[in-house]
Amino acid sequence: MQAELDVLESKLALILERYQDVRAENIQLRQQVVALENSNKQLSERQGEARSRLEALINKLPD
């Protein structure tokens, strides 16, 4: 009986350790998502500004 409890205890400890690892990884990935979303937003804004400047230059060209 004690041996079975010891095995269960070690399995539970392993599960808890894996859970903590996955949770830490999940937090890190969520932070990366936020950073990438911010970067994407900045790039989209820059692209829009470049598009506006290009359209303005095109409109200045003689017909």
N, C-alpha and C. Protein backbone atom coordinates (compact mmCIF):
# COMPACT_ATOMS: atom_id res chain seq x y z
N MET A 1 0.82 -1.20 0.00
CA MET A 1 0.00 0.00 0.00
C MET A 1 0.86 1.26 0.00
N GLN A 2 1.90 1.24 0.82
CA GLN A 2 2.79 2.41 0.89
C GLN A 2 3.51 2.63 -0.43
N ALA A 3 3.90 1.55 -1.07
CA ALA A 3 4.59 1.66 -2.36
C ALA A 3 3.68 2.30 -3.40
N GLU A 4 2.41 1.94 -3.39
CA GLU A 4 1.46 2.53 -4.33
C GLU A 4 1.29 4.02 -4.07
N LEU A 5 1.24 4.37 -2.80
CA LEU A 5 1.12 5.79 -2.44
C LEU A 5 2.37 6.57 -2.86
N ASP A 6 3.53 5.95 -2.70
CA ASP A 6 4.78 6.60 -3.11
C ASP A 6 4.81 6.83 -4.62
N VAL A 7 4.34 5.84 -5.37
CA VAL A 7 4.29 5.97 -6.83
C VAL A 7 3.32 7.09 -7.21
N LEU A 8 2.15 7.11 -6.58
CA LEU A 8 1.18 8.17 -6.86
C LEU A 8 1.72 9.54 -6.49
N GLU A 9 2.43 9.59 -5.38
CA GLU A 9 3.01 10.87 -4.95
C GLU A 9 4.04 11.37 -5.96
N SER A 10 4.87 10.49 -6.45
CA SER A 10 5.89 10.90 -7.42
C SER A 10 5.24 11.30 -8.75
N LYS A 11 4.18 10.58 -9.14
CA LYS A 11 3.48 10.95 -10.37
C LYS A 11 2.81 12.31 -10.22
N LEU A 12 2.21 12.54 -9.07
CA LEU A 12 1.57 13.82 -8.82
C LEU A 12 2.60 14.95 -8.82
N ALA A 13 3.74 14.71 -8.23
CA ALA A 13 4.81 15.72 -8.22
C ALA A 13 5.25 16.03 -9.64
N LEU A 14 5.36 15.02 -10.47
CA LEU A 14 5.74 15.22 -11.86
C LEU A 14 4.68 16.01 -12.61
N ILE A 15 3.42 15.68 -12.39
CA ILE A 15 2.32 16.40 -13.04
C ILE A 15 2.34 17.87 -12.62
N LEU A 16 2.53 18.13 -11.34
CA LEU A 16 2.57 19.52 -10.85
C LEU A 16 3.75 20.29 -11.44
N GLU A 17 4.89 19.62 -11.56
CA GLU A 17 6.06 20.26 -12.15
C GLU A 17 5.81 20.60 -13.62
N ARG A 18 5.23 19.67 -14.36
CA ARG A 18 4.92 19.92 -15.76
C ARG A 18 3.88 21.04 -15.90
N TYR A 19 2.90 21.04 -15.00
CA TYR A 19 1.88 22.09 -15.01
C TYR A 19 2.53 23.46 -14.82
N GLN A 20 3.44 23.56 -13.86
CA GLN A 20 4.11 24.84 -13.61
C GLN A 20 4.94 25.26 -14.82
N ASP A 21 5.61 24.30 -15.44
CA ASP A 21 6.41 24.61 -16.64
C ASP A 21 5.52 25.12 -17.77
N VAL A 22 4.41 24.43 -18.00
CA VAL A 22 3.49 24.82 -19.07
C VAL A 22 2.87 26.18 -18.76
N ARG A 23 2.55 26.41 -17.51
CA ARG A 23 1.96 27.69 -17.12
C ARG A 23 2.94 28.83 -17.35
N ALA A 24 4.21 28.62 -16.99
CA ALA A 24 5.24 29.64 -17.21
C ALA A 24 5.42 29.89 -18.71
N GLU A 25 5.42 28.82 -19.49
CA GLU A 25 5.55 28.97 -20.94
C GLU A 25 4.35 29.73 -21.51
N ASN A 26 3.18 29.44 -21.01
CA ASN A 26 1.97 30.12 -21.46
C ASN A 26 2.05 31.62 -21.17
N ILE A 27 2.52 31.98 -20.00
CA ILE A 27 2.68 33.40 -19.65
C ILE A 27 3.67 34.06 -20.61
N GLN A 28 4.77 33.38 -20.86
CA GLN A 28 5.78 33.92 -21.78
C GLN A 28 5.20 34.08 -23.19
N LEU A 29 4.44 33.11 -23.65
CA LEU A 29 3.85 33.19 -24.98
C LEU A 29 2.82 34.31 -25.07
N ARG A 30 2.07 34.51 -24.01
CA ARG A 30 1.10 35.61 -24.00
C ARG A 30 1.82 36.96 -24.08
N GLN A 31 2.95 37.07 -23.40
CA GLN A 31 3.73 38.30 -23.48
C GLN A 31 4.28 38.51 -24.89
N GLN A 32 4.71 37.43 -25.52
CA GLN A 32 5.19 37.53 -26.89
C GLN A 32 4.07 37.94 -27.83
N VAL A 33 2.88 37.43 -27.62
CA VAL A 33 1.74 37.80 -28.46
C VAL A 33 1.47 39.29 -28.34
N VAL A 34 1.48 39.81 -27.11
CA VAL A 34 1.24 41.24 -26.90
C VAL A 34 2.31 42.06 -27.62
N ALA A 35 3.57 41.66 -27.48
CA ALA A 35 4.66 42.39 -28.13
C ALA A 35 4.52 42.34 -29.65
N LEU A 36 4.17 41.18 -30.18
CA LEU A 36 4.02 41.06 -31.63
C LEU A 36 2.81 41.84 -32.14
N GLU A 37 1.73 41.87 -31.36
CA GLU A 37 0.57 42.66 -31.76
C GLU A 37 0.92 44.14 -31.79
N ASN A 38 1.69 44.60 -30.81
CA ASN A 38 2.12 46.00 -30.80
C ASN A 38 3.01 46.31 -32.00
N SER A 39 3.92 45.40 -32.28
CA SER A 39 4.81 45.58 -33.43
C SER A 39 4.00 45.61 -34.72
N ASN A 40 3.04 44.71 -34.84
CA ASN A 40 2.19 44.65 -36.03
C ASN A 40 1.41 45.95 -36.19
N LYS A 41 0.90 46.48 -35.09
CA LYS A 41 0.15 47.73 -35.14
C LYS A 41 1.04 48.87 -35.63
N GLN A 42 2.26 48.94 -35.10
CA GLN A 42 3.19 49.99 -35.53
C GLN A 42 3.52 49.85 -37.01
N LEU A 43 3.75 48.63 -37.46
CA LEU A 43 4.08 48.41 -38.86
C LEU A 43 2.90 48.78 -39.76
N SER A 44 1.70 48.47 -39.32
CA SER A 44 0.51 48.82 -40.10
C SER A 44 0.36 50.33 -40.21
N GLU A 45 0.63 51.02 -39.11
CA GLU A 45 0.55 52.48 -39.13
C GLU A 45 1.59 53.06 -40.08
N ARG A 46 2.81 52.52 -40.03
CA ARG A 46 3.86 53.00 -40.94
C ARG A 46 3.50 52.72 -42.39
N GLN A 47 2.89 51.56 -42.63
CA GLN A 47 2.48 51.21 -43.99
C GLN A 47 1.41 52.18 -44.48
N GLY A 48 0.47 52.51 -43.62
CA GLY A 48 -0.57 53.48 -43.99
C GLY A 48 0.02 54.84 -44.28
N GLU A 49 0.98 55.26 -43.49
CA GLU A 49 1.64 56.56 -43.74
C GLU A 49 2.38 56.54 -45.07
N ALA A 50 3.08 55.44 -45.34
CA ALA A 50 3.81 55.33 -46.61
C ALA A 50 2.83 55.32 -47.78
N ARG A 51 1.71 54.64 -47.63
CA ARG A 51 0.70 54.60 -48.69
C ARG A 51 0.17 56.02 -48.96
N SER A 52 -0.09 56.75 -47.89
CA SER A 52 -0.60 58.12 -48.06
C SER A 52 0.42 59.00 -48.78
N ARG A 53 1.67 58.88 -48.39
CA ARG A 53 2.71 59.68 -49.05
C ARG A 53 2.84 59.31 -50.52
N LEU A 54 2.78 58.01 -50.80
CA LEU A 54 2.89 57.54 -52.18
C LEU A 54 1.71 58.03 -53.02
N GLU A 55 0.52 57.97 -52.45
CA GLU A 55 -0.66 58.46 -53.17
C GLU A 55 -0.54 59.96 -53.44
N ALA A 56 -0.01 60.70 -52.45
CA ALA A 56 0.18 62.13 -52.64
C ALA A 56 1.17 62.40 -53.76
N LEU A 57 2.24 61.63 -53.83
CA LEU A 57 3.23 61.80 -54.90
C LEU A 57 2.63 61.45 -56.25
N ILE A 58 1.84 60.38 -56.29
CA ILE A 58 1.20 59.97 -57.55
C ILE A 58 0.25 61.06 -58.04
N ASN A 59 -0.48 61.66 -57.11
CA ASN A 59 -1.43 62.71 -57.47
C ASN A 59 -0.73 63.97 -57.99
N LYS A 60 0.53 64.13 -57.64
CA LYS A 60 1.28 65.30 -58.11
C LYS A 60 1.84 65.10 -59.52
N LEU A 61 1.85 63.85 -59.98
CA LEU A 61 2.37 63.57 -61.32
C LEU A 61 1.44 64.18 -62.36
N PRO A 62 2.05 64.70 -63.42
CA PRO A 62 1.18 65.25 -64.49
C PRO A 62 0.45 64.12 -65.21
N ASP A 63 -0.75 64.46 -65.66
CA ASP A 63 -1.57 63.44 -66.35
C ASP A 63 -1.05 63.19 -67.71
